[in-house]
């Protein structure tokens, strides 16, 4: 890939994109959610491990199950959002490496029985995949409100009772109310955060 994308595309993905907390009364279709996944899954992960698992919480019944798991400050914006994505991680992701990483038949052995490596790999790569989701959503014209602020144990008991799926973070998803955004918070200058060595 050698072409610099347009300034308008960069603005949509980065410079004009914002974290939203207020939402238009406008639904997100299943077709859009499927397109979203088909984009985000193409982002790189370690050994193509793809440990993230996504639950698109959309129905009133599912929102009611999610509500008691949320911190108080996240309830209203999450209940208003058309979709809330639970970005989770499969702690048995390595069982799929025979399918996902077939050119290395011993890839499962790199992880099986090594809890520290399993956790660090699952957490790092599911976080990456959640970030890919944000960028894919913006590319499709959606707005996002990523957040922590939930009771992971309660959420996992409700949505992942089998025990091998752990929650990472949440993303509210839909079409934001731009008129209710705060002014953008400051960002670091290059010199504040970077070195070239």
N, C-alpha and C. Protein backbone atom coordinates (compact mmCIF):
# COMPACT_ATOMS: atom_id res chain seq x y z
N UNK A 1 0.85 -1.18 0.00
CA UNK A 1 0.00 0.00 0.00
C UNK A 1 0.90 1.24 0.00
N UNK A 2 0.84 2.00 -1.08
CA UNK A 2 1.76 3.12 -1.22
C UNK A 2 1.07 4.46 -1.33
N UNK A 3 -0.25 4.48 -1.33
CA UNK A 3 -0.98 5.72 -1.53
C UNK A 3 -1.39 6.33 -0.20
N UNK A 4 -1.07 7.59 0.01
CA UNK A 4 -1.50 8.34 1.19
C UNK A 4 -3.00 8.58 1.07
N UNK A 5 -3.78 8.19 2.07
CA UNK A 5 -5.22 8.40 1.97
C UNK A 5 -5.54 9.89 2.05
N UNK A 6 -6.72 10.24 1.66
CA UNK A 6 -7.08 11.65 1.51
C UNK A 6 -7.18 12.35 2.86
N UNK A 7 -7.01 13.68 2.88
CA UNK A 7 -7.23 14.42 4.13
C UNK A 7 -8.63 14.20 4.70
N UNK A 8 -9.62 14.06 3.85
CA UNK A 8 -10.98 13.82 4.34
C UNK A 8 -11.07 12.47 5.06
N UNK A 9 -10.40 11.45 4.54
CA UNK A 9 -10.39 10.15 5.19
C UNK A 9 -9.66 10.20 6.52
N UNK A 10 -8.53 10.90 6.55
CA UNK A 10 -7.79 11.05 7.80
C UNK A 10 -8.63 11.79 8.84
N UNK A 11 -9.35 12.79 8.41
CA UNK A 11 -10.21 13.53 9.33
C UNK A 11 -11.29 12.63 9.91
N UNK A 12 -11.91 11.80 9.05
CA UNK A 12 -12.97 10.91 9.52
C UNK A 12 -12.44 9.87 10.50
N UNK A 13 -11.24 9.40 10.27
CA UNK A 13 -10.67 8.36 11.13
C UNK A 13 -10.01 8.91 12.38
N UNK A 14 -9.40 10.10 12.28
CA UNK A 14 -8.57 10.60 13.37
C UNK A 14 -8.91 12.02 13.81
N UNK A 15 -8.63 13.01 12.97
CA UNK A 15 -8.59 14.39 13.46
C UNK A 15 -9.95 14.97 13.77
N UNK A 16 -11.01 14.55 13.08
CA UNK A 16 -12.35 15.03 13.38
C UNK A 16 -13.15 14.04 14.22
N UNK A 17 -12.68 12.82 14.33
CA UNK A 17 -13.42 11.79 15.07
C UNK A 17 -13.35 12.07 16.57
N UNK A 18 -14.44 11.81 17.26
CA UNK A 18 -14.53 12.11 18.68
C UNK A 18 -15.14 10.94 19.45
N UNK A 19 -14.96 10.93 20.76
CA UNK A 19 -15.62 9.97 21.63
C UNK A 19 -16.99 10.53 21.99
N UNK A 20 -18.03 9.78 21.68
CA UNK A 20 -19.40 10.26 21.88
C UNK A 20 -20.05 9.66 23.12
N UNK A 21 -20.89 10.46 23.76
CA UNK A 21 -21.65 10.01 24.92
C UNK A 21 -23.15 10.26 24.76
N UNK A 22 -23.54 10.93 23.68
CA UNK A 22 -24.96 11.17 23.39
C UNK A 22 -25.23 10.68 21.97
N UNK A 23 -26.42 10.10 21.79
CA UNK A 23 -26.67 9.34 20.56
C UNK A 23 -27.98 9.74 19.91
N UNK A 24 -27.96 9.76 18.58
CA UNK A 24 -29.18 9.94 17.81
C UNK A 24 -30.06 8.68 17.94
N UNK A 25 -31.33 8.88 17.79
CA UNK A 25 -32.27 7.76 17.81
C UNK A 25 -32.27 7.13 16.41
N UNK A 26 -31.22 6.42 16.14
CA UNK A 26 -31.00 5.86 14.81
C UNK A 26 -30.31 4.51 14.97
N UNK A 27 -30.93 3.47 14.48
CA UNK A 27 -30.41 2.13 14.70
C UNK A 27 -29.23 1.79 13.80
N UNK A 28 -28.46 0.81 14.22
CA UNK A 28 -27.35 0.27 13.44
C UNK A 28 -27.79 -1.10 12.95
N UNK A 29 -27.75 -1.31 11.65
CA UNK A 29 -28.28 -2.55 11.07
C UNK A 29 -27.34 -3.72 11.32
N UNK A 30 -27.91 -4.91 11.25
CA UNK A 30 -27.09 -6.12 11.34
C UNK A 30 -26.09 -6.17 10.19
N UNK A 31 -26.50 -5.73 9.01
CA UNK A 31 -25.59 -5.73 7.86
C UNK A 31 -24.37 -4.85 8.14
N UNK A 32 -24.58 -3.72 8.80
CA UNK A 32 -23.46 -2.83 9.15
C UNK A 32 -22.55 -3.49 10.17
N UNK A 33 -23.13 -4.16 11.16
CA UNK A 33 -22.31 -4.85 12.16
C UNK A 33 -21.48 -5.96 11.53
N UNK A 34 -22.05 -6.66 10.58
CA UNK A 34 -21.31 -7.70 9.88
C UNK A 34 -20.18 -7.10 9.03
N UNK A 35 -20.47 -5.99 8.37
CA UNK A 35 -19.43 -5.31 7.59
C UNK A 35 -18.32 -4.81 8.51
N UNK A 36 -18.71 -4.32 9.67
CA UNK A 36 -17.75 -3.85 10.66
C UNK A 36 -16.80 -4.98 11.06
N UNK A 37 -17.34 -6.15 11.37
CA UNK A 37 -16.49 -7.27 11.75
C UNK A 37 -15.58 -7.70 10.61
N UNK A 38 -16.13 -7.73 9.40
CA UNK A 38 -15.33 -8.15 8.25
C UNK A 38 -14.16 -7.23 7.98
N UNK A 39 -14.27 -5.97 8.40
CA UNK A 39 -13.13 -5.05 8.31
C UNK A 39 -12.15 -5.27 9.46
N UNK A 40 -12.65 -5.27 10.69
CA UNK A 40 -11.73 -5.31 11.83
C UNK A 40 -10.94 -6.60 11.90
N UNK A 41 -11.51 -7.70 11.41
CA UNK A 41 -10.81 -8.98 11.51
C UNK A 41 -9.55 -9.04 10.65
N UNK A 42 -9.40 -8.09 9.74
CA UNK A 42 -8.22 -8.08 8.88
C UNK A 42 -7.01 -7.44 9.55
N UNK A 43 -7.18 -6.80 10.68
CA UNK A 43 -6.05 -6.21 11.39
C UNK A 43 -5.14 -7.29 11.97
N UNK A 44 -3.84 -7.00 12.08
CA UNK A 44 -2.90 -8.03 12.55
C UNK A 44 -3.02 -8.34 14.04
N UNK A 45 -2.82 -9.61 14.36
CA UNK A 45 -2.69 -10.07 15.74
C UNK A 45 -1.54 -11.08 15.79
N UNK A 46 -1.01 -11.32 16.97
CA UNK A 46 0.10 -12.26 17.13
C UNK A 46 -0.30 -13.64 16.63
N UNK A 47 0.48 -14.19 15.71
CA UNK A 47 0.22 -15.50 15.13
C UNK A 47 -1.21 -15.61 14.60
N UNK A 48 -1.76 -14.48 14.16
CA UNK A 48 -3.14 -14.43 13.68
C UNK A 48 -4.11 -15.03 14.71
N UNK A 49 -3.78 -14.86 15.99
CA UNK A 49 -4.52 -15.54 17.05
C UNK A 49 -5.95 -15.05 17.21
N UNK A 50 -6.21 -13.80 16.89
CA UNK A 50 -7.58 -13.26 16.89
C UNK A 50 -8.35 -13.63 18.16
N UNK A 51 -7.83 -13.28 19.34
CA UNK A 51 -8.49 -13.73 20.57
C UNK A 51 -9.74 -12.96 20.94
N UNK A 52 -9.99 -11.82 20.30
CA UNK A 52 -11.16 -11.03 20.69
C UNK A 52 -12.45 -11.74 20.33
N UNK A 53 -13.43 -11.59 21.20
CA UNK A 53 -14.79 -12.02 20.95
C UNK A 53 -15.68 -10.81 21.20
N UNK A 54 -16.69 -10.63 20.37
CA UNK A 54 -17.51 -9.43 20.40
C UNK A 54 -18.97 -9.79 20.62
N UNK A 55 -19.58 -9.14 21.58
CA UNK A 55 -21.02 -9.27 21.79
C UNK A 55 -21.63 -7.91 21.49
N UNK A 56 -22.51 -7.87 20.49
CA UNK A 56 -23.19 -6.63 20.12
C UNK A 56 -24.51 -6.58 20.89
N UNK A 57 -24.51 -5.81 21.96
CA UNK A 57 -25.68 -5.72 22.85
C UNK A 57 -26.61 -4.66 22.27
N UNK A 58 -27.76 -5.10 21.76
CA UNK A 58 -28.62 -4.21 20.99
C UNK A 58 -30.08 -4.26 21.45
N UNK A 59 -30.58 -5.43 21.75
CA UNK A 59 -32.00 -5.55 22.09
C UNK A 59 -32.27 -4.96 23.48
N UNK A 60 -33.50 -4.52 23.74
CA UNK A 60 -33.83 -4.03 25.09
C UNK A 60 -33.57 -5.08 26.17
N UNK A 61 -33.83 -6.33 25.84
CA UNK A 61 -33.61 -7.39 26.83
C UNK A 61 -32.13 -7.54 27.17
N UNK A 62 -31.27 -7.47 26.15
CA UNK A 62 -29.83 -7.59 26.39
C UNK A 62 -29.30 -6.35 27.12
N UNK A 63 -29.84 -5.17 26.76
CA UNK A 63 -29.43 -3.95 27.47
C UNK A 63 -29.80 -4.04 28.96
N UNK A 64 -30.95 -4.62 29.26
CA UNK A 64 -31.37 -4.80 30.65
C UNK A 64 -30.42 -5.72 31.41
N UNK A 65 -29.88 -6.71 30.72
CA UNK A 65 -28.89 -7.60 31.35
C UNK A 65 -27.57 -6.88 31.59
N UNK A 66 -27.23 -5.98 30.68
CA UNK A 66 -25.96 -5.25 30.80
C UNK A 66 -26.01 -4.17 31.87
N UNK A 67 -27.14 -3.54 32.02
CA UNK A 67 -27.26 -2.36 32.88
C UNK A 67 -26.72 -2.57 34.30
N UNK A 68 -27.05 -3.66 34.99
CA UNK A 68 -26.55 -3.82 36.37
C UNK A 68 -25.03 -4.00 36.46
N UNK A 69 -24.38 -4.27 35.33
CA UNK A 69 -22.93 -4.46 35.32
C UNK A 69 -22.16 -3.15 35.18
N UNK A 70 -22.86 -2.07 34.86
CA UNK A 70 -22.20 -0.81 34.53
C UNK A 70 -21.97 0.05 35.76
N UNK A 71 -20.88 0.81 35.73
CA UNK A 71 -20.67 1.85 36.73
C UNK A 71 -21.73 2.92 36.53
N UNK A 72 -22.09 3.60 37.62
CA UNK A 72 -23.20 4.55 37.58
C UNK A 72 -23.05 5.60 36.47
N UNK A 73 -21.84 6.10 36.29
CA UNK A 73 -21.61 7.14 35.30
C UNK A 73 -21.73 6.68 33.86
N UNK A 74 -21.78 5.40 33.64
CA UNK A 74 -21.88 4.86 32.28
C UNK A 74 -23.28 4.36 31.91
N UNK A 75 -24.21 4.43 32.85
CA UNK A 75 -25.52 3.82 32.61
C UNK A 75 -26.30 4.57 31.53
N UNK A 76 -26.50 5.87 31.69
CA UNK A 76 -27.38 6.61 30.79
C UNK A 76 -26.89 6.57 29.35
N UNK A 77 -25.60 6.85 29.15
CA UNK A 77 -25.09 6.89 27.78
C UNK A 77 -25.11 5.51 27.13
N UNK A 78 -24.96 4.47 27.94
CA UNK A 78 -24.97 3.11 27.40
C UNK A 78 -26.39 2.66 27.08
N UNK A 79 -27.33 3.01 27.92
CA UNK A 79 -28.72 2.65 27.65
C UNK A 79 -29.25 3.40 26.42
N UNK A 80 -28.74 4.61 26.17
CA UNK A 80 -29.17 5.39 25.02
C UNK A 80 -28.52 4.92 23.72
N UNK A 81 -27.31 4.38 23.80
CA UNK A 81 -26.57 3.99 22.60
C UNK A 81 -27.32 2.88 21.85
N UNK A 82 -27.36 2.95 20.52
CA UNK A 82 -28.02 1.89 19.75
C UNK A 82 -27.41 0.51 19.96
N UNK A 83 -26.10 0.46 20.12
CA UNK A 83 -25.39 -0.80 20.32
C UNK A 83 -24.28 -0.56 21.33
N UNK A 84 -24.07 -1.52 22.20
CA UNK A 84 -22.88 -1.54 23.05
C UNK A 84 -22.13 -2.82 22.73
N UNK A 85 -20.87 -2.68 22.38
CA UNK A 85 -20.05 -3.84 22.05
C UNK A 85 -19.25 -4.24 23.29
N UNK A 86 -19.42 -5.48 23.71
CA UNK A 86 -18.53 -6.04 24.72
C UNK A 86 -17.32 -6.60 23.97
N UNK A 87 -16.18 -5.99 24.17
CA UNK A 87 -14.93 -6.50 23.61
C UNK A 87 -14.34 -7.44 24.65
N UNK A 88 -14.31 -8.70 24.32
CA UNK A 88 -13.86 -9.72 25.27
C UNK A 88 -12.71 -10.51 24.67
N UNK A 89 -12.18 -11.43 25.45
CA UNK A 89 -11.04 -12.22 24.98
C UNK A 89 -11.23 -13.67 25.38
N UNK A 90 -10.99 -14.54 24.42
CA UNK A 90 -11.09 -15.97 24.64
C UNK A 90 -9.76 -16.47 25.19
N UNK A 91 -9.77 -16.91 26.43
CA UNK A 91 -8.54 -17.36 27.07
C UNK A 91 -8.10 -18.75 26.57
N UNK A 92 -8.89 -19.32 25.68
CA UNK A 92 -8.50 -20.57 25.01
C UNK A 92 -8.31 -20.33 23.51
N UNK A 93 -7.92 -19.11 23.16
CA UNK A 93 -7.74 -18.75 21.75
C UNK A 93 -6.78 -19.68 21.01
N UNK A 94 -5.81 -20.22 21.73
CA UNK A 94 -4.76 -21.04 21.11
C UNK A 94 -5.32 -22.34 20.52
N UNK A 95 -6.53 -22.73 20.96
CA UNK A 95 -7.15 -23.94 20.40
C UNK A 95 -7.57 -23.74 18.94
N UNK A 96 -7.62 -22.50 18.49
CA UNK A 96 -8.00 -22.21 17.11
C UNK A 96 -6.81 -21.99 16.19
N UNK A 97 -5.58 -22.11 16.71
CA UNK A 97 -4.42 -21.78 15.90
C UNK A 97 -4.19 -22.78 14.76
N UNK A 98 -4.66 -24.00 14.92
CA UNK A 98 -4.56 -24.94 13.80
C UNK A 98 -5.29 -24.44 12.58
N UNK A 99 -6.39 -23.73 12.79
CA UNK A 99 -7.17 -23.14 11.71
C UNK A 99 -6.61 -21.79 11.28
N UNK A 100 -6.25 -20.96 12.26
CA UNK A 100 -5.89 -19.58 11.97
C UNK A 100 -4.42 -19.39 11.61
N UNK A 101 -3.57 -20.32 12.01
CA UNK A 101 -2.13 -20.20 11.75
C UNK A 101 -1.60 -21.54 11.26
N UNK A 102 -2.12 -22.05 10.15
CA UNK A 102 -1.87 -23.43 9.74
C UNK A 102 -0.44 -23.70 9.27
N UNK A 103 0.32 -22.66 8.92
CA UNK A 103 1.67 -22.90 8.42
C UNK A 103 2.66 -23.15 9.55
N UNK A 104 2.19 -23.11 10.82
CA UNK A 104 3.05 -23.45 11.95
C UNK A 104 2.30 -24.45 12.83
N UNK A 105 2.44 -25.73 12.56
CA UNK A 105 1.61 -26.73 13.24
C UNK A 105 1.83 -26.84 14.75
N UNK A 106 2.93 -26.29 15.27
CA UNK A 106 3.16 -26.38 16.71
C UNK A 106 2.77 -25.10 17.44
N UNK A 107 2.03 -24.19 16.79
CA UNK A 107 1.72 -22.88 17.40
C UNK A 107 0.94 -23.04 18.70
N UNK A 108 0.06 -24.04 18.80
CA UNK A 108 -0.69 -24.23 20.03
C UNK A 108 0.22 -24.41 21.22
N UNK A 109 1.33 -25.11 21.03
CA UNK A 109 2.25 -25.41 22.13
C UNK A 109 2.95 -24.16 22.66
N UNK A 110 2.95 -23.08 21.91
CA UNK A 110 3.57 -21.84 22.39
C UNK A 110 2.78 -21.25 23.57
N UNK A 111 1.51 -21.64 23.68
CA UNK A 111 0.62 -21.02 24.66
C UNK A 111 0.07 -22.01 25.68
N UNK A 112 -0.29 -23.19 25.26
CA UNK A 112 -0.99 -24.13 26.13
C UNK A 112 -0.19 -24.38 27.41
N UNK A 113 -0.86 -24.19 28.56
CA UNK A 113 -0.22 -24.42 29.85
C UNK A 113 0.59 -23.27 30.38
N UNK A 114 0.72 -22.18 29.61
CA UNK A 114 1.51 -21.02 30.06
C UNK A 114 0.55 -19.85 30.29
N UNK A 115 0.02 -19.78 31.50
CA UNK A 115 -1.04 -18.80 31.79
C UNK A 115 -0.59 -17.36 31.58
N UNK A 116 0.65 -17.05 31.92
CA UNK A 116 1.12 -15.67 31.77
C UNK A 116 1.15 -15.26 30.30
N UNK A 117 1.63 -16.14 29.44
CA UNK A 117 1.69 -15.84 28.01
C UNK A 117 0.29 -15.81 27.42
N UNK A 118 -0.57 -16.71 27.85
CA UNK A 118 -1.96 -16.69 27.38
C UNK A 118 -2.60 -15.36 27.71
N UNK A 119 -2.48 -14.92 28.97
CA UNK A 119 -3.14 -13.68 29.38
C UNK A 119 -2.58 -12.48 28.64
N UNK A 120 -1.26 -12.37 28.58
CA UNK A 120 -0.68 -11.19 27.93
C UNK A 120 -1.02 -11.15 26.44
N UNK A 121 -1.03 -12.31 25.80
CA UNK A 121 -1.35 -12.36 24.38
C UNK A 121 -2.82 -12.05 24.14
N UNK A 122 -3.69 -12.63 24.95
CA UNK A 122 -5.13 -12.38 24.79
C UNK A 122 -5.46 -10.92 25.06
N UNK A 123 -4.89 -10.36 26.11
CA UNK A 123 -5.20 -8.98 26.47
C UNK A 123 -4.67 -7.99 25.43
N UNK A 124 -3.42 -8.17 25.05
CA UNK A 124 -2.82 -7.26 24.07
C UNK A 124 -3.56 -7.30 22.74
N UNK A 125 -3.82 -8.49 22.26
CA UNK A 125 -4.38 -8.62 20.93
C UNK A 125 -5.87 -8.34 20.88
N UNK A 126 -6.60 -8.65 21.94
CA UNK A 126 -8.02 -8.27 21.96
C UNK A 126 -8.15 -6.75 22.08
N UNK A 127 -7.21 -6.11 22.77
CA UNK A 127 -7.21 -4.64 22.82
C UNK A 127 -6.96 -4.06 21.44
N UNK A 128 -5.98 -4.64 20.72
CA UNK A 128 -5.76 -4.21 19.34
C UNK A 128 -7.02 -4.39 18.50
N UNK A 129 -7.67 -5.52 18.64
CA UNK A 129 -8.86 -5.77 17.83
C UNK A 129 -10.00 -4.82 18.19
N UNK A 130 -10.09 -4.45 19.46
CA UNK A 130 -11.07 -3.43 19.84
C UNK A 130 -10.75 -2.08 19.19
N UNK A 131 -9.47 -1.76 19.10
CA UNK A 131 -9.07 -0.52 18.42
C UNK A 131 -9.36 -0.60 16.92
N UNK A 132 -9.13 -1.78 16.34
CA UNK A 132 -9.48 -1.93 14.93
C UNK A 132 -11.00 -1.74 14.74
N UNK A 133 -11.79 -2.21 15.69
CA UNK A 133 -13.23 -2.02 15.61
C UNK A 133 -13.57 -0.54 15.58
N UNK A 134 -12.94 0.24 16.44
CA UNK A 134 -13.19 1.68 16.47
C UNK A 134 -12.88 2.32 15.12
N UNK A 135 -11.73 1.98 14.56
CA UNK A 135 -11.35 2.58 13.28
C UNK A 135 -12.25 2.11 12.14
N UNK A 136 -12.63 0.82 12.17
CA UNK A 136 -13.55 0.32 11.15
C UNK A 136 -14.91 0.99 11.27
N UNK A 137 -15.37 1.18 12.50
CA UNK A 137 -16.66 1.85 12.71
C UNK A 137 -16.62 3.27 12.16
N UNK A 138 -15.55 3.99 12.46
CA UNK A 138 -15.42 5.35 11.93
C UNK A 138 -15.39 5.34 10.41
N UNK A 139 -14.71 4.38 9.84
CA UNK A 139 -14.64 4.28 8.37
C UNK A 139 -16.02 4.05 7.76
N UNK A 140 -16.92 3.40 8.51
CA UNK A 140 -18.26 3.13 8.03
C UNK A 140 -19.25 4.23 8.38
N UNK A 141 -18.75 5.32 8.98
CA UNK A 141 -19.62 6.44 9.31
C UNK A 141 -20.28 6.36 10.66
N UNK A 142 -19.85 5.42 11.49
CA UNK A 142 -20.37 5.29 12.85
C UNK A 142 -19.50 6.08 13.82
N UNK A 143 -20.09 6.38 14.97
CA UNK A 143 -19.35 7.01 16.07
C UNK A 143 -19.19 6.00 17.20
N UNK A 144 -18.19 6.24 18.04
CA UNK A 144 -17.85 5.30 19.11
C UNK A 144 -17.69 6.02 20.44
N UNK A 145 -17.96 5.28 21.49
CA UNK A 145 -17.70 5.74 22.85
C UNK A 145 -17.08 4.62 23.65
N UNK A 146 -15.77 4.40 23.48
CA UNK A 146 -15.12 3.33 24.25
C UNK A 146 -15.05 3.68 25.73
N UNK A 147 -15.11 2.66 26.59
CA UNK A 147 -15.11 2.94 28.02
C UNK A 147 -14.73 1.71 28.84
N UNK A 148 -14.20 1.99 30.00
CA UNK A 148 -14.10 1.01 31.07
C UNK A 148 -15.32 1.26 31.96
N UNK A 149 -15.18 1.08 33.25
CA UNK A 149 -16.29 1.43 34.13
C UNK A 149 -17.42 0.41 34.13
N UNK A 150 -17.08 -0.84 34.45
CA UNK A 150 -18.08 -1.90 34.59
C UNK A 150 -17.52 -2.96 35.52
N UNK A 151 -18.41 -3.77 36.05
CA UNK A 151 -18.04 -4.86 36.95
C UNK A 151 -17.77 -6.09 36.07
N UNK A 152 -16.50 -6.39 35.86
CA UNK A 152 -16.13 -7.47 34.93
C UNK A 152 -16.66 -8.82 35.40
N UNK A 153 -16.57 -9.09 36.69
CA UNK A 153 -17.04 -10.39 37.18
C UNK A 153 -18.53 -10.55 36.95
N UNK A 154 -19.29 -9.51 37.21
CA UNK A 154 -20.74 -9.57 37.01
C UNK A 154 -21.08 -9.70 35.53
N UNK A 155 -20.37 -8.95 34.69
CA UNK A 155 -20.61 -9.02 33.24
C UNK A 155 -20.28 -10.40 32.70
N UNK A 156 -19.16 -10.95 33.13
CA UNK A 156 -18.75 -12.27 32.65
C UNK A 156 -19.73 -13.35 33.10
N UNK A 157 -20.23 -13.23 34.32
CA UNK A 157 -21.21 -14.21 34.80
C UNK A 157 -22.49 -14.14 33.97
N UNK A 158 -22.85 -12.94 33.54
CA UNK A 158 -24.09 -12.74 32.79
C UNK A 158 -23.96 -13.15 31.33
N UNK A 159 -22.85 -12.78 30.70
CA UNK A 159 -22.73 -12.98 29.26
C UNK A 159 -21.80 -14.13 28.86
N UNK A 160 -20.91 -14.54 29.75
CA UNK A 160 -19.94 -15.58 29.42
C UNK A 160 -19.86 -16.62 30.53
N UNK A 161 -20.95 -17.28 30.85
CA UNK A 161 -20.95 -18.20 31.99
C UNK A 161 -20.06 -19.43 31.79
N UNK A 162 -19.65 -19.70 30.55
CA UNK A 162 -18.80 -20.87 30.31
C UNK A 162 -17.43 -20.71 30.94
N UNK A 163 -16.98 -19.47 31.21
CA UNK A 163 -15.78 -19.23 32.00
C UNK A 163 -14.51 -18.94 31.24
N UNK A 164 -14.42 -19.27 29.96
CA UNK A 164 -13.15 -19.05 29.26
C UNK A 164 -13.09 -17.69 28.55
N UNK A 165 -14.19 -16.94 28.56
CA UNK A 165 -14.22 -15.62 27.93
C UNK A 165 -14.16 -14.57 29.03
N UNK A 166 -13.25 -13.62 28.90
CA UNK A 166 -13.08 -12.55 29.87
C UNK A 166 -13.32 -11.20 29.20
N UNK A 167 -13.92 -10.28 29.92
CA UNK A 167 -14.22 -8.95 29.39
C UNK A 167 -12.96 -8.09 29.37
N UNK A 168 -12.81 -7.30 28.32
CA UNK A 168 -11.72 -6.34 28.21
C UNK A 168 -12.25 -4.92 28.38
N UNK A 169 -13.07 -4.43 27.45
CA UNK A 169 -13.67 -3.10 27.58
C UNK A 169 -14.95 -3.05 26.76
N UNK A 170 -15.64 -1.92 26.85
CA UNK A 170 -16.92 -1.72 26.17
C UNK A 170 -16.79 -0.59 25.16
N UNK A 171 -17.60 -0.65 24.11
CA UNK A 171 -17.66 0.43 23.13
C UNK A 171 -19.12 0.70 22.80
N UNK A 172 -19.60 1.89 23.13
CA UNK A 172 -20.92 2.30 22.65
C UNK A 172 -20.78 2.68 21.18
N UNK A 173 -21.79 2.35 20.40
CA UNK A 173 -21.68 2.44 18.96
C UNK A 173 -23.00 2.96 18.39
N UNK A 174 -22.89 3.90 17.46
CA UNK A 174 -24.08 4.41 16.79
C UNK A 174 -23.74 5.68 16.04
N UNK A 175 -24.71 6.58 16.03
CA UNK A 175 -24.54 7.87 15.36
C UNK A 175 -24.65 8.94 16.43
N UNK A 176 -23.53 9.58 16.73
CA UNK A 176 -23.46 10.50 17.85
C UNK A 176 -24.14 11.83 17.58
N UNK A 177 -24.47 12.52 18.66
CA UNK A 177 -25.00 13.88 18.59
C UNK A 177 -23.82 14.85 18.68
N UNK A 178 -23.33 15.28 17.54
CA UNK A 178 -22.13 16.11 17.50
C UNK A 178 -22.31 17.42 18.25
N UNK A 179 -23.51 17.95 18.29
CA UNK A 179 -23.76 19.21 18.95
C UNK A 179 -23.62 19.16 20.46
N UNK A 180 -23.51 17.97 21.02
CA UNK A 180 -23.39 17.83 22.47
C UNK A 180 -21.99 17.41 22.91
N UNK A 181 -21.04 17.50 21.99
CA UNK A 181 -19.66 17.17 22.34
C UNK A 181 -19.01 18.30 23.12
N UNK A 182 -18.13 17.96 24.05
CA UNK A 182 -17.26 18.94 24.70
C UNK A 182 -16.17 19.35 23.71
N UNK A 183 -15.51 20.46 24.02
CA UNK A 183 -14.33 20.82 23.23
C UNK A 183 -13.31 19.69 23.35
N UNK A 184 -12.54 19.48 22.28
CA UNK A 184 -11.55 18.40 22.30
C UNK A 184 -10.50 18.67 23.37
N UNK A 185 -10.16 17.64 24.11
CA UNK A 185 -9.12 17.75 25.14
C UNK A 185 -7.75 17.85 24.48
N UNK A 186 -6.76 18.44 25.18
CA UNK A 186 -5.42 18.58 24.60
C UNK A 186 -4.78 17.24 24.32
N UNK A 187 -3.84 17.26 23.40
CA UNK A 187 -3.01 16.10 23.10
C UNK A 187 -1.55 16.52 23.24
N UNK A 188 -0.69 15.51 23.47
CA UNK A 188 0.74 15.77 23.54
C UNK A 188 1.29 16.26 22.20
N UNK A 189 2.33 17.06 22.27
CA UNK A 189 3.17 17.32 21.11
C UNK A 189 4.10 16.13 20.91
N UNK A 190 4.64 16.01 19.71
CA UNK A 190 5.57 14.92 19.40
C UNK A 190 6.67 14.85 20.46
N UNK A 191 7.24 16.00 20.81
CA UNK A 191 8.38 16.03 21.73
C UNK A 191 8.01 15.56 23.13
N UNK A 192 6.75 15.65 23.49
CA UNK A 192 6.31 15.23 24.83
C UNK A 192 6.22 13.72 24.97
N UNK A 193 6.03 13.02 23.86
CA UNK A 193 5.71 11.59 23.94
C UNK A 193 6.61 10.70 23.11
N UNK A 194 7.47 11.29 22.30
CA UNK A 194 8.21 10.48 21.32
C UNK A 194 9.71 10.75 21.38
N UNK A 195 10.44 9.73 20.96
CA UNK A 195 11.87 9.84 20.74
C UNK A 195 12.20 9.20 19.40
N UNK A 196 13.18 9.75 18.73
CA UNK A 196 13.75 9.09 17.56
C UNK A 196 15.19 8.75 17.94
N UNK A 197 15.53 7.48 17.96
CA UNK A 197 16.86 7.07 18.46
C UNK A 197 17.62 6.32 17.38
